[in-house]
């Protein structure tokens, strides 16, 4: 089988070993072998990026814009091929996977235009005879570490702004899903990125990820992943004064009030909690429901869940694909056992099921009768498991929504403008949704949270410039 190589300094390079990419819908399907970079190769990638930085950072914005536009168009032109690859390696259903690919292409095209709008300031000085200019410049070499749950969209929303603003990139994708990252790297190379400007190094986080975070020639780190890993990265980056951006998950509430449209509430809950197999940091894992609608809501959600088809990600009619791998499946099942042990009632799903092909299939699980302090309401499960918490009224529901160390996304379903407006102003989250699922965001506006969910500047949209540039103030004698 062909080895898919790392991309370092404009060359495709084999590594010190290989990583097998296995289809979670069919564990007999070996997608490919991907080269595992050595620490020495990571050093070479950083050196190549450092060497390329002066010329790239001073290159014209028109040439950078054209490169990003080519990359975006090539992604869109290959959406069918890339969507199938993503569904095979990660387990998203084919429509979801193809949608993610399209989003990646749109992100590159967005930043193709965004770089042409980079603004500065020209101000008079408080001292006569001087003028002051404020401009933004590239940071340098950026280390990008991405997770397995969005294997092309999250890399796109980090790589595109990094390149747009004149930085050079060393990109380490999740070891579990190297295929989409490698395909994206191929497109970037084919589009004509100069040697060293973009580098791909694949391998385990404990080896390549740690080396990248600790590297003295890496000016900044953008990381999406677990909270524990993010905290370690922040500590290391602070010690060597590197800039850092962290996205670390959520325990997102969806509040359903008595006056909610029941159909809307059910669709928001089921989509937000269970689609993409619940493997989204923005998933609605806590459903906070007021007493007047609670029983009808639970009954309707269970009926909707029974209609969901859990099966092979590429099969037509599948709503819920497999869990990404055996380790994640075990974690999900462990939390289901924990929920039962804590006294919660499993009213629907939560069963491992067999299909035509061997895979990691789990039916979506819904718990009722849960209390706020239960582990299933405090810890991020990252699977198709949701809990229902009963609330007496809006005020208690809001308090329960905010009762978490996370603060990524929060939603409310209501017909009350008063409660919707109050929730938008008082939910302790970086993103608030009204009558739409907590999962699902646009690429042209900022993404990120507060508290334990995020640290540093926002991602996506024009706000991405805050992380990928540094500000320079210059004084000139007029």
Protein backbone atom coordinates (compact mmCIF):
# COMPACT_ATOMS: atom_id res chain seq x y z
CA UNK A 1 0.00 0.00 0.00
CA UNK A 2 1.22 3.49 -0.89
CA UNK A 3 2.58 5.51 2.01
CA UNK A 4 1.12 9.01 2.24
CA UNK A 5 4.08 11.20 3.12
CA UNK A 6 4.71 14.28 5.19
CA UNK A 7 5.23 17.57 3.35
CA UNK A 8 8.35 19.41 4.48
CA UNK A 9 10.06 22.29 2.73
CA UNK A 10 8.23 21.57 -0.53
CA UNK A 11 9.09 17.85 -0.56
CA UNK A 12 7.04 14.74 0.24
CA UNK A 13 8.96 12.79 2.85
CA UNK A 14 8.52 9.36 4.42
CA UNK A 15 8.79 9.20 8.21
CA UNK A 16 10.08 6.94 10.92
CA UNK A 17 7.03 4.69 10.68
CA UNK A 18 3.46 4.64 9.48
CA UNK A 19 -0.02 5.23 10.91
CA UNK A 20 -2.88 3.02 9.72
CA UNK A 21 -6.07 4.91 8.89
CA UNK A 22 -9.07 2.66 9.66
CA UNK A 23 -12.70 3.21 8.68
CA UNK A 24 -14.91 3.26 11.83
CA UNK A 25 -17.90 2.18 9.71
CA UNK A 26 -15.99 -0.90 8.55
CA UNK A 27 -12.87 -1.84 10.45
CA UNK A 28 -11.88 -4.16 7.59
CA UNK A 29 -11.48 -1.08 5.38
CA UNK A 30 -7.92 0.19 5.63
CA UNK A 31 -7.99 3.65 4.07
CA UNK A 32 -4.22 4.04 3.86
CA UNK A 33 -0.85 4.21 5.55
CA UNK A 34 0.34 7.65 6.60
CA UNK A 35 3.92 8.56 7.41
CA UNK A 36 4.75 9.28 11.03
CA UNK A 37 7.21 12.17 11.22
CA UNK A 38 10.24 11.99 13.48
CA UNK A 39 11.22 14.78 15.88
CA UNK A 40 14.13 15.55 13.57
CA UNK A 41 11.71 16.03 10.69
CA UNK A 42 9.63 18.36 12.83
CA UNK A 43 12.81 20.42 13.33
CA UNK A 44 13.32 20.44 9.57
CA UNK A 45 9.77 21.60 8.97
CA UNK A 46 10.16 24.48 11.42
CA UNK A 47 13.50 25.43 9.85
CA UNK A 48 11.93 25.40 6.38
CA UNK A 49 9.09 27.62 7.59
CA UNK A 50 11.52 29.99 9.28
CA UNK A 51 13.59 30.26 6.10
CA UNK A 52 10.52 30.93 3.95
CA UNK A 53 9.00 33.52 6.28
CA UNK A 54 10.85 36.71 5.21
CA UNK A 55 9.88 36.40 1.55
CA UNK A 56 6.35 35.14 2.20
CA UNK A 57 5.52 37.79 4.80
CA UNK A 58 6.61 40.51 2.36
CA UNK A 59 4.85 39.00 -0.64
CA UNK A 60 2.02 40.98 -2.15
CA UNK A 61 -1.48 40.54 -0.83
CA UNK A 62 -2.73 39.95 -4.38
CA UNK A 63 -0.59 36.85 -4.84
CA UNK A 64 -1.63 35.51 -1.44
CA UNK A 65 -5.27 36.18 -2.26
CA UNK A 66 -5.00 34.34 -5.57
CA UNK A 67 -3.33 31.34 -3.93
CA UNK A 68 -6.06 31.05 -1.30
CA UNK A 69 -8.76 31.38 -3.94
CA UNK A 70 -7.17 28.57 -5.99
CA UNK A 71 -7.01 26.35 -2.91
CA UNK A 72 -10.64 27.06 -2.09
CA UNK A 73 -11.80 26.33 -5.64
CA UNK A 74 -9.80 23.09 -5.81
CA UNK A 75 -11.44 21.94 -2.57
CA UNK A 76 -14.88 22.72 -3.95
CA UNK A 77 -14.12 21.02 -7.26
CA UNK A 78 -13.15 17.85 -5.36
CA UNK A 79 -15.99 17.94 -2.83
CA UNK A 80 -17.35 14.51 -3.77
CA UNK A 81 -13.96 12.78 -3.48
CA UNK A 82 -12.99 14.61 -0.30
CA UNK A 83 -16.41 14.11 1.27
CA UNK A 84 -16.23 10.37 0.75
CA UNK A 85 -12.71 10.26 2.23
CA UNK A 86 -13.81 12.26 5.27
CA UNK A 87 -16.86 10.07 5.86
CA UNK A 88 -14.71 6.94 5.61
CA UNK A 89 -12.07 8.03 8.08
CA UNK A 90 -14.10 10.00 10.64
CA UNK A 91 -17.55 8.42 10.47
CA UNK A 92 -19.68 11.47 9.61
CA UNK A 93 -22.52 10.69 7.27
CA UNK A 94 -21.73 11.47 3.64
CA UNK A 95 -23.99 14.57 3.49
CA UNK A 96 -22.39 15.96 6.67
CA UNK A 97 -18.89 15.15 5.41
CA UNK A 98 -19.51 16.79 2.04
CA UNK A 99 -20.94 19.83 3.80
CA UNK A 100 -17.77 20.09 5.88
CA UNK A 101 -15.63 19.97 2.72
CA UNK A 102 -17.68 22.75 1.15
CA UNK A 103 -17.20 24.82 4.28
CA UNK A 104 -13.43 24.33 4.06
CA UNK A 105 -13.45 25.62 0.49
CA UNK A 106 -15.57 28.59 1.48
CA UNK A 107 -13.18 29.45 4.30
CA UNK A 108 -10.21 29.67 1.95
CA UNK A 109 -12.21 31.83 -0.43
CA UNK A 110 -13.34 34.07 2.42
CA UNK A 111 -9.75 34.75 3.48
CA UNK A 112 -8.80 35.25 -0.15
CA UNK A 113 -10.99 38.34 0.01
CA UNK A 114 -10.32 39.22 3.62
CA UNK A 115 -6.59 39.77 3.09
CA UNK A 116 -7.40 42.46 0.53
CA UNK A 117 -9.20 44.39 3.27
CA UNK A 118 -6.42 44.48 5.87
CA UNK A 119 -6.67 47.92 7.40
CA UNK A 120 -4.31 50.18 9.25
CA UNK A 121 -4.60 53.60 10.84
CA UNK A 122 -2.94 56.96 10.24
CA UNK A 123 -3.34 59.33 13.17
CA UNK A 124 -1.93 62.70 14.15
CA UNK A 125 0.47 62.68 17.07
CA UNK A 126 -0.17 64.67 20.21
CA UNK A 127 3.22 66.19 19.44
CA UNK A 128 3.33 68.73 16.58
CA UNK A 129 5.11 67.66 13.40
CA UNK A 130 4.67 63.91 13.85
CA UNK A 131 2.31 61.43 12.28
CA UNK A 132 1.56 57.95 13.62
CA UNK A 133 0.74 54.84 11.60
CA UNK A 134 -0.67 51.64 13.10
CA UNK A 135 -0.29 48.52 10.95
CA UNK A 136 -0.55 44.76 11.26
CA UNK A 137 2.25 42.35 10.40
CA UNK A 138 2.65 38.59 10.26
CA UNK A 139 3.76 36.82 13.43
CA UNK A 140 6.18 34.30 11.95
CA UNK A 141 6.01 30.51 12.16
CA UNK A 142 2.66 29.19 13.41
CA UNK A 143 2.17 25.68 14.78
CA UNK A 144 -1.34 24.35 14.13
CA UNK A 145 -2.69 21.33 16.01
CA UNK A 146 -6.15 20.12 14.99
CA UNK A 147 -8.63 17.52 16.32
CA UNK A 148 -10.22 14.50 14.68
CA UNK A 149 -13.87 15.57 14.69
CA UNK A 150 -13.65 18.15 11.87
CA UNK A 151 -10.63 16.89 9.93
CA UNK A 152 -10.80 19.40 7.06
CA UNK A 153 -12.88 22.37 8.28
CA UNK A 154 -10.85 23.11 11.43
CA UNK A 155 -7.52 22.84 9.58
CA UNK A 156 -8.95 25.19 6.94
CA UNK A 157 -10.01 27.82 9.44
CA UNK A 158 -6.51 27.84 10.92
CA UNK A 159 -4.38 27.44 7.77
CA UNK A 160 -6.26 29.96 5.61
CA UNK A 161 -5.85 33.01 7.90
CA UNK A 162 -2.31 32.00 8.84
CA UNK A 163 -1.26 32.05 5.18
CA UNK A 164 -3.41 35.05 4.29
CA UNK A 165 -1.71 37.29 6.83
CA UNK A 166 1.79 36.24 5.74
CA UNK A 167 2.71 33.57 8.26
CA UNK A 168 4.35 30.22 7.57
CA UNK A 169 2.71 27.06 8.86
CA UNK A 170 3.70 23.77 10.45
CA UNK A 171 0.51 21.72 10.60
CA UNK A 172 0.01 18.63 12.78
CA UNK A 173 -3.37 16.95 12.29
CA UNK A 174 -4.95 14.44 14.64
CA UNK A 175 -3.26 11.06 14.38
CA UNK A 176 -6.65 9.37 14.11
CA UNK A 177 -7.72 11.10 10.87
CA UNK A 178 -4.68 11.91 8.70
CA UNK A 179 -6.43 11.34 5.37
CA UNK A 180 -8.34 14.60 5.00
CA UNK A 181 -5.34 16.60 6.25
CA UNK A 182 -3.06 14.91 3.74
CA UNK A 183 -5.53 15.53 0.90
CA UNK A 184 -5.71 19.20 1.91
CA UNK A 185 -1.91 19.40 1.96
CA UNK A 186 -1.82 17.95 -1.56
CA UNK A 187 -4.19 20.64 -2.76
CA UNK A 188 -2.17 23.40 -1.10
CA UNK A 189 1.00 22.06 -2.73
CA UNK A 190 -0.67 21.73 -6.15
CA UNK A 191 -2.02 25.26 -5.86
CA UNK A 192 1.55 26.55 -5.84
CA UNK A 193 2.42 27.43 -2.26
CA UNK A 194 6.11 28.38 -2.09
CA UNK A 195 8.45 25.82 -0.53
CA UNK A 196 8.53 25.99 3.25
CA UNK A 197 5.49 28.25 3.61
CA UNK A 198 3.25 25.28 4.42
CA UNK A 199 4.43 22.06 6.06
CA UNK A 200 2.55 18.92 7.10
CA UNK A 201 3.93 16.70 9.88
CA UNK A 202 1.82 13.72 10.92
CA UNK A 203 2.24 11.72 14.10
CA UNK A 204 1.09 11.31 17.70
CA UNK A 205 0.52 14.35 19.84
CA UNK A 206 2.80 13.13 22.60
CA UNK A 207 5.71 13.16 20.15
CA UNK A 208 5.14 15.61 17.30
CA UNK A 209 2.58 17.79 19.06
CA UNK A 210 4.75 18.24 22.15
CA UNK A 211 7.83 18.97 20.04
CA UNK A 212 5.93 21.59 18.07
CA UNK A 213 4.59 23.32 21.18
CA UNK A 214 8.03 23.37 22.79
CA UNK A 215 9.97 24.45 19.71
CA UNK A 216 11.78 27.77 20.31
CA UNK A 217 11.42 28.81 16.66
CA UNK A 218 7.62 28.50 16.64
CA UNK A 219 6.14 31.91 17.36
CA UNK A 220 2.55 30.90 18.07
CA UNK A 221 0.39 27.82 18.61
CA UNK A 222 -3.27 27.41 17.65
CA UNK A 223 -4.78 24.29 19.20
CA UNK A 224 -8.20 22.68 19.19
CA UNK A 225 -8.71 19.65 21.43
CA UNK A 226 -9.21 18.58 25.01
CA UNK A 227 -9.17 20.90 28.00
CA UNK A 228 -6.36 19.04 29.76
CA UNK A 229 -4.08 19.19 26.73
CA UNK A 230 -4.97 22.83 26.15
CA UNK A 231 -4.00 23.78 29.68
CA UNK A 232 -0.62 22.08 29.26
CA UNK A 233 -0.04 23.89 25.99
CA UNK A 234 -0.90 27.23 27.58
CA UNK A 235 1.61 26.64 30.36
CA UNK A 236 4.40 25.71 27.95
CA UNK A 237 3.64 28.59 25.59
CA UNK A 238 3.56 31.13 28.43
CA UNK A 239 6.91 29.90 29.73
CA UNK A 240 8.59 30.74 26.43
CA UNK A 241 6.37 33.78 25.68
CA UNK A 242 4.77 32.27 22.58
CA UNK A 243 1.33 33.43 21.51
CA UNK A 244 -1.38 30.82 22.04
CA UNK A 245 -4.97 30.23 20.95
CA UNK A 246 -6.99 27.38 22.47
CA UNK A 247 -10.39 25.85 21.75
CA UNK A 248 -11.17 23.18 24.36
CA UNK A 249 -14.75 21.98 24.11
CA UNK A 250 -18.02 22.54 25.89
CA UNK A 251 -20.89 21.22 27.95
CA UNK A 252 -23.48 23.18 26.07
CA UNK A 253 -27.00 23.84 27.35
CA UNK A 254 -30.18 24.02 25.30
CA UNK A 255 -32.95 25.66 27.32
CA UNK A 256 -36.52 24.74 26.34
CA UNK A 257 -39.21 26.96 27.86
CA UNK A 258 -42.90 26.17 28.31
CA UNK A 259 -43.87 28.50 25.46
CA UNK A 260 -41.50 26.84 22.95
CA UNK A 261 -42.80 25.44 19.68
CA UNK A 262 -42.49 21.71 20.39
CA UNK A 263 -41.43 20.69 16.88
CA UNK A 264 -38.72 23.36 16.84
CA UNK A 265 -37.50 22.32 20.28
CA UNK A 266 -37.29 18.65 19.29
CA UNK A 267 -35.40 19.36 16.08
CA UNK A 268 -32.97 21.70 17.85
CA UNK A 269 -32.32 19.09 20.54
CA UNK A 270 -31.95 16.07 18.27
CA UNK A 271 -29.82 17.86 15.68
CA UNK A 272 -27.66 19.61 18.25
CA UNK A 273 -27.17 16.63 20.52
CA UNK A 274 -26.86 13.67 18.17
CA UNK A 275 -25.95 14.61 14.62
CA UNK A 276 -22.29 14.12 13.73
CA UNK A 277 -22.62 11.34 16.32
CA UNK A 278 -22.56 14.01 19.03
CA UNK A 279 -18.85 14.49 18.32
CA UNK A 280 -18.98 18.28 18.18
CA UNK A 281 -17.66 20.70 20.76
CA UNK A 282 -20.84 22.72 20.21
CA UNK A 283 -23.21 19.75 20.77
CA UNK A 284 -26.24 20.24 23.04
CA UNK A 285 -25.28 17.80 25.77
CA UNK A 286 -27.53 19.34 28.49
CA UNK A 287 -31.23 19.82 27.67
CA UNK A 288 -32.68 22.11 30.35
CA UNK A 289 -36.46 21.92 30.13
CA UNK A 290 -39.08 23.78 32.19
CA UNK A 291 -41.74 21.71 33.93
CA UNK A 292 -44.76 22.68 31.83
CA UNK A 293 -43.33 21.20 28.62
CA UNK A 294 -40.93 18.64 30.11
CA UNK A 295 -42.95 15.44 29.70
CA UNK A 296 -44.22 16.27 26.21
CA UNK A 297 -40.72 17.24 25.14
CA UNK A 298 -39.12 14.03 26.41
CA UNK A 299 -41.79 11.89 24.75
CA UNK A 300 -41.42 13.72 21.43
CA UNK A 301 -37.62 13.56 21.49
CA UNK A 302 -37.72 9.81 22.16
CA UNK A 303 -40.09 9.31 19.22
CA UNK A 304 -37.77 11.34 16.99
CA UNK A 305 -34.75 9.37 18.19
CA UNK A 306 -36.41 6.06 17.35
CA UNK A 307 -36.63 7.20 13.73
CA UNK A 308 -32.89 7.89 13.51
CA UNK A 309 -30.91 5.32 11.52
CA UNK A 310 -27.50 4.45 12.94
CA UNK A 311 -25.43 2.79 10.22
CA UNK A 312 -22.49 3.01 7.81
CA UNK A 313 -21.53 6.62 7.13
CA UNK A 314 -21.64 6.13 3.35
CA UNK A 315 -24.99 4.36 3.27
CA UNK A 316 -27.94 6.36 1.95
CA UNK A 317 -30.49 7.06 4.67
CA UNK A 318 -28.03 6.96 7.57
CA UNK A 319 -28.61 9.73 10.12
CA UNK A 320 -25.98 8.77 12.70
CA UNK A 321 -22.64 7.32 11.71
CA UNK A 322 -20.31 5.33 13.94
CA UNK A 323 -18.30 6.64 16.86
CA UNK A 324 -14.83 7.53 15.60
CA UNK A 325 -12.92 4.61 17.18
CA UNK A 326 -12.99 1.92 19.84
CA UNK A 327 -11.46 4.15 22.52
CA UNK A 328 -14.13 6.81 22.07
CA UNK A 329 -16.85 4.16 22.01
CA UNK A 330 -15.62 2.80 25.33
CA UNK A 331 -15.67 6.31 26.79
CA UNK A 332 -19.25 6.82 25.64
CA UNK A 333 -20.37 3.47 27.07
CA UNK A 334 -18.55 4.16 30.32
CA UNK A 335 -20.44 7.44 30.73
CA UNK A 336 -23.73 5.68 30.04
CA UNK A 337 -22.89 3.29 32.87
CA UNK A 338 -21.88 6.24 35.07
CA UNK A 339 -25.23 7.92 34.38
CA UNK A 340 -27.14 4.81 35.39
CA UNK A 341 -24.99 4.49 38.50
CA UNK A 342 -25.71 8.09 39.45
CA UNK A 343 -29.43 7.38 39.38
CA UNK A 344 -30.37 8.89 36.03
CA UNK A 345 -32.92 7.10 33.84
CA UNK A 346 -31.86 6.00 30.37
CA UNK A 347 -35.14 6.48 28.50
CA UNK A 348 -33.91 5.91 24.96
CA UNK A 349 -30.95 4.40 23.12
CA UNK A 350 -27.43 4.02 24.45
CA UNK A 351 -26.94 0.56 22.95
CA UNK A 352 -24.04 -0.77 20.95
CA UNK A 353 -25.47 -2.29 17.78
CA UNK A 354 -24.20 -4.52 14.99
CA UNK A 355 -24.51 -3.69 11.32
CA UNK A 356 -23.53 -5.36 8.03
CA UNK A 357 -19.93 -4.23 8.49
CA UNK A 358 -17.94 -4.31 11.73
CA UNK A 359 -17.84 -0.82 13.21
CA UNK A 360 -18.27 1.31 16.32
CA UNK A 361 -22.04 1.77 16.25
CA UNK A 362 -23.88 3.32 19.20
CA UNK A 363 -27.50 4.43 19.22
CA UNK A 364 -28.05 7.96 20.59
CA UNK A 365 -28.73 7.98 24.34
CA UNK A 366 -31.07 10.21 26.33
CA UNK A 367 -31.10 10.43 30.14
CA UNK A 368 -33.87 11.96 32.23
CA UNK A 369 -34.18 12.55 35.96
CA UNK A 370 -30.68 13.99 36.08
CA UNK A 371 -29.26 16.41 38.65
CA UNK A 372 -26.86 19.26 37.84
CA UNK A 373 -23.98 17.79 39.88
CA UNK A 374 -23.99 14.39 38.15
CA UNK A 375 -20.83 13.67 36.20
CA UNK A 376 -22.86 13.23 33.01
CA UNK A 377 -23.88 16.88 33.44
CA UNK A 378 -20.42 18.19 34.34
CA UNK A 379 -17.94 16.39 32.08
CA UNK A 380 -17.71 16.51 28.29
CA UNK A 381 -18.63 13.06 26.97
CA UNK A 382 -18.10 13.89 23.28
CA UNK A 383 -20.53 11.32 21.98
CA UNK A 384 -24.24 10.87 21.19
CA UNK A 385 -25.31 11.17 24.82
CA UNK A 386 -27.61 13.91 26.12
CA UNK A 387 -29.21 14.59 29.49
CA UNK A 388 -32.46 16.29 30.45
CA UNK A 389 -32.51 18.56 33.52
CA UNK A 390 -35.90 19.76 34.76
CA UNK A 391 -36.22 23.45 35.69
CA UNK A 392 -39.07 25.26 37.45
CA UNK A 393 -38.92 28.43 35.36
CA UNK A 394 -36.77 30.59 33.10
CA UNK A 395 -34.68 32.01 35.93
CA UNK A 396 -33.70 28.58 37.19
CA UNK A 397 -33.08 27.37 33.63
CA UNK A 398 -30.66 30.24 33.01
CA UNK A 399 -28.84 29.54 36.27
CA UNK A 400 -28.51 25.86 35.33
CA UNK A 401 -27.29 26.77 31.84
CA UNK A 402 -24.51 28.89 33.33
CA UNK A 403 -23.62 26.30 35.99
CA UNK A 404 -20.65 24.83 34.14
CA UNK A 405 -16.92 25.40 33.81
CA UNK A 406 -17.39 25.58 30.04
CA UNK A 407 -18.82 28.45 28.00
CA UNK A 408 -18.74 27.70 24.29
CA UNK A 409 -22.31 27.64 22.98
CA UNK A 410 -25.73 28.01 24.60
CA UNK A 411 -29.21 27.84 23.10
CA UNK A 412 -32.79 28.64 23.99
CA UNK A 413 -36.09 27.67 22.38
CA UNK A 414 -38.88 30.13 23.18
CA UNK A 415 -41.53 32.34 21.61
CA UNK A 416 -40.81 35.08 24.16
CA UNK A 417 -38.80 38.01 22.86
CA UNK A 418 -38.23 39.06 26.46
CA UNK A 419 -36.67 35.74 27.46
CA UNK A 420 -34.72 35.39 24.20
CA UNK A 421 -33.22 38.86 24.61
CA UNK A 422 -32.40 38.28 28.27
CA UNK A 423 -30.79 34.93 27.48
CA UNK A 424 -28.61 36.41 24.73
CA UNK A 425 -27.38 39.04 27.17
CA UNK A 426 -26.89 36.76 30.19
CA UNK A 427 -25.86 33.32 28.91
CA UNK A 428 -22.20 32.84 29.84
CA UNK A 429 -21.12 31.56 26.44
CA UNK A 430 -19.21 32.86 23.47
CA UNK A 431 -22.02 31.91 21.09
CA UNK A 432 -25.77 32.02 21.74
CA UNK A 433 -28.47 30.42 19.59
CA UNK A 434 -32.18 31.27 19.65
CA UNK A 435 -34.55 28.67 18.17
CA UNK A 436 -31.70 27.00 16.27
CA UNK A 437 -29.35 24.15 17.32
CA UNK A 438 -26.30 25.00 19.42
CA UNK A 439 -24.15 23.19 16.85
CA UNK A 440 -23.76 24.81 13.45
CA UNK A 441 -21.95 28.10 12.89
CA UNK A 442 -21.05 30.36 9.96
CA UNK A 443 -17.49 30.69 8.66
CA UNK A 444 -17.46 34.50 8.31
CA UNK A 445 -18.13 35.41 11.96
CA UNK A 446 -16.08 34.77 15.12
CA UNK A 447 -16.03 31.34 16.74
CA UNK A 448 -15.06 30.76 20.35
CA UNK A 449 -16.16 30.67 23.94
CA UNK A 450 -15.28 31.76 27.45
CA UNK A 451 -14.41 30.17 30.80
CA UNK A 452 -12.85 26.74 30.25
CA UNK A 453 -13.86 26.46 26.60
CA UNK A 454 -11.52 28.93 24.94
CA UNK A 455 -8.40 30.96 25.58
CA UNK A 456 -6.93 33.68 23.43
CA UNK A 457 -8.27 35.44 20.35
CA UNK A 458 -11.35 34.24 18.46
CA UNK A 459 -11.15 32.07 15.37
CA UNK A 460 -12.77 32.67 11.96
CA UNK A 461 -14.06 35.76 10.24
CA UNK A 462 -12.28 39.08 10.39
CA UNK A 463 -11.53 38.44 14.07
CA UNK A 464 -8.91 35.87 13.05
CA UNK A 465 -6.50 38.72 12.37
CA UNK A 466 -6.18 39.29 16.13
CA UNK A 467 -4.29 36.04 16.53
CA UNK A 468 -2.43 35.77 13.23
CA UNK A 469 -0.99 39.30 13.20
CA UNK A 470 0.91 41.59 15.51
CA UNK A 471 0.43 45.35 15.73
CA UNK A 472 3.17 47.85 14.90
CA UNK A 473 3.02 51.56 15.75
CA UNK A 474 5.37 53.80 13.75
CA UNK A 475 6.18 57.51 14.22
CA UNK A 476 7.33 59.71 11.34
CA UNK A 477 8.57 63.29 11.39
CA UNK A 478 6.30 65.09 8.96
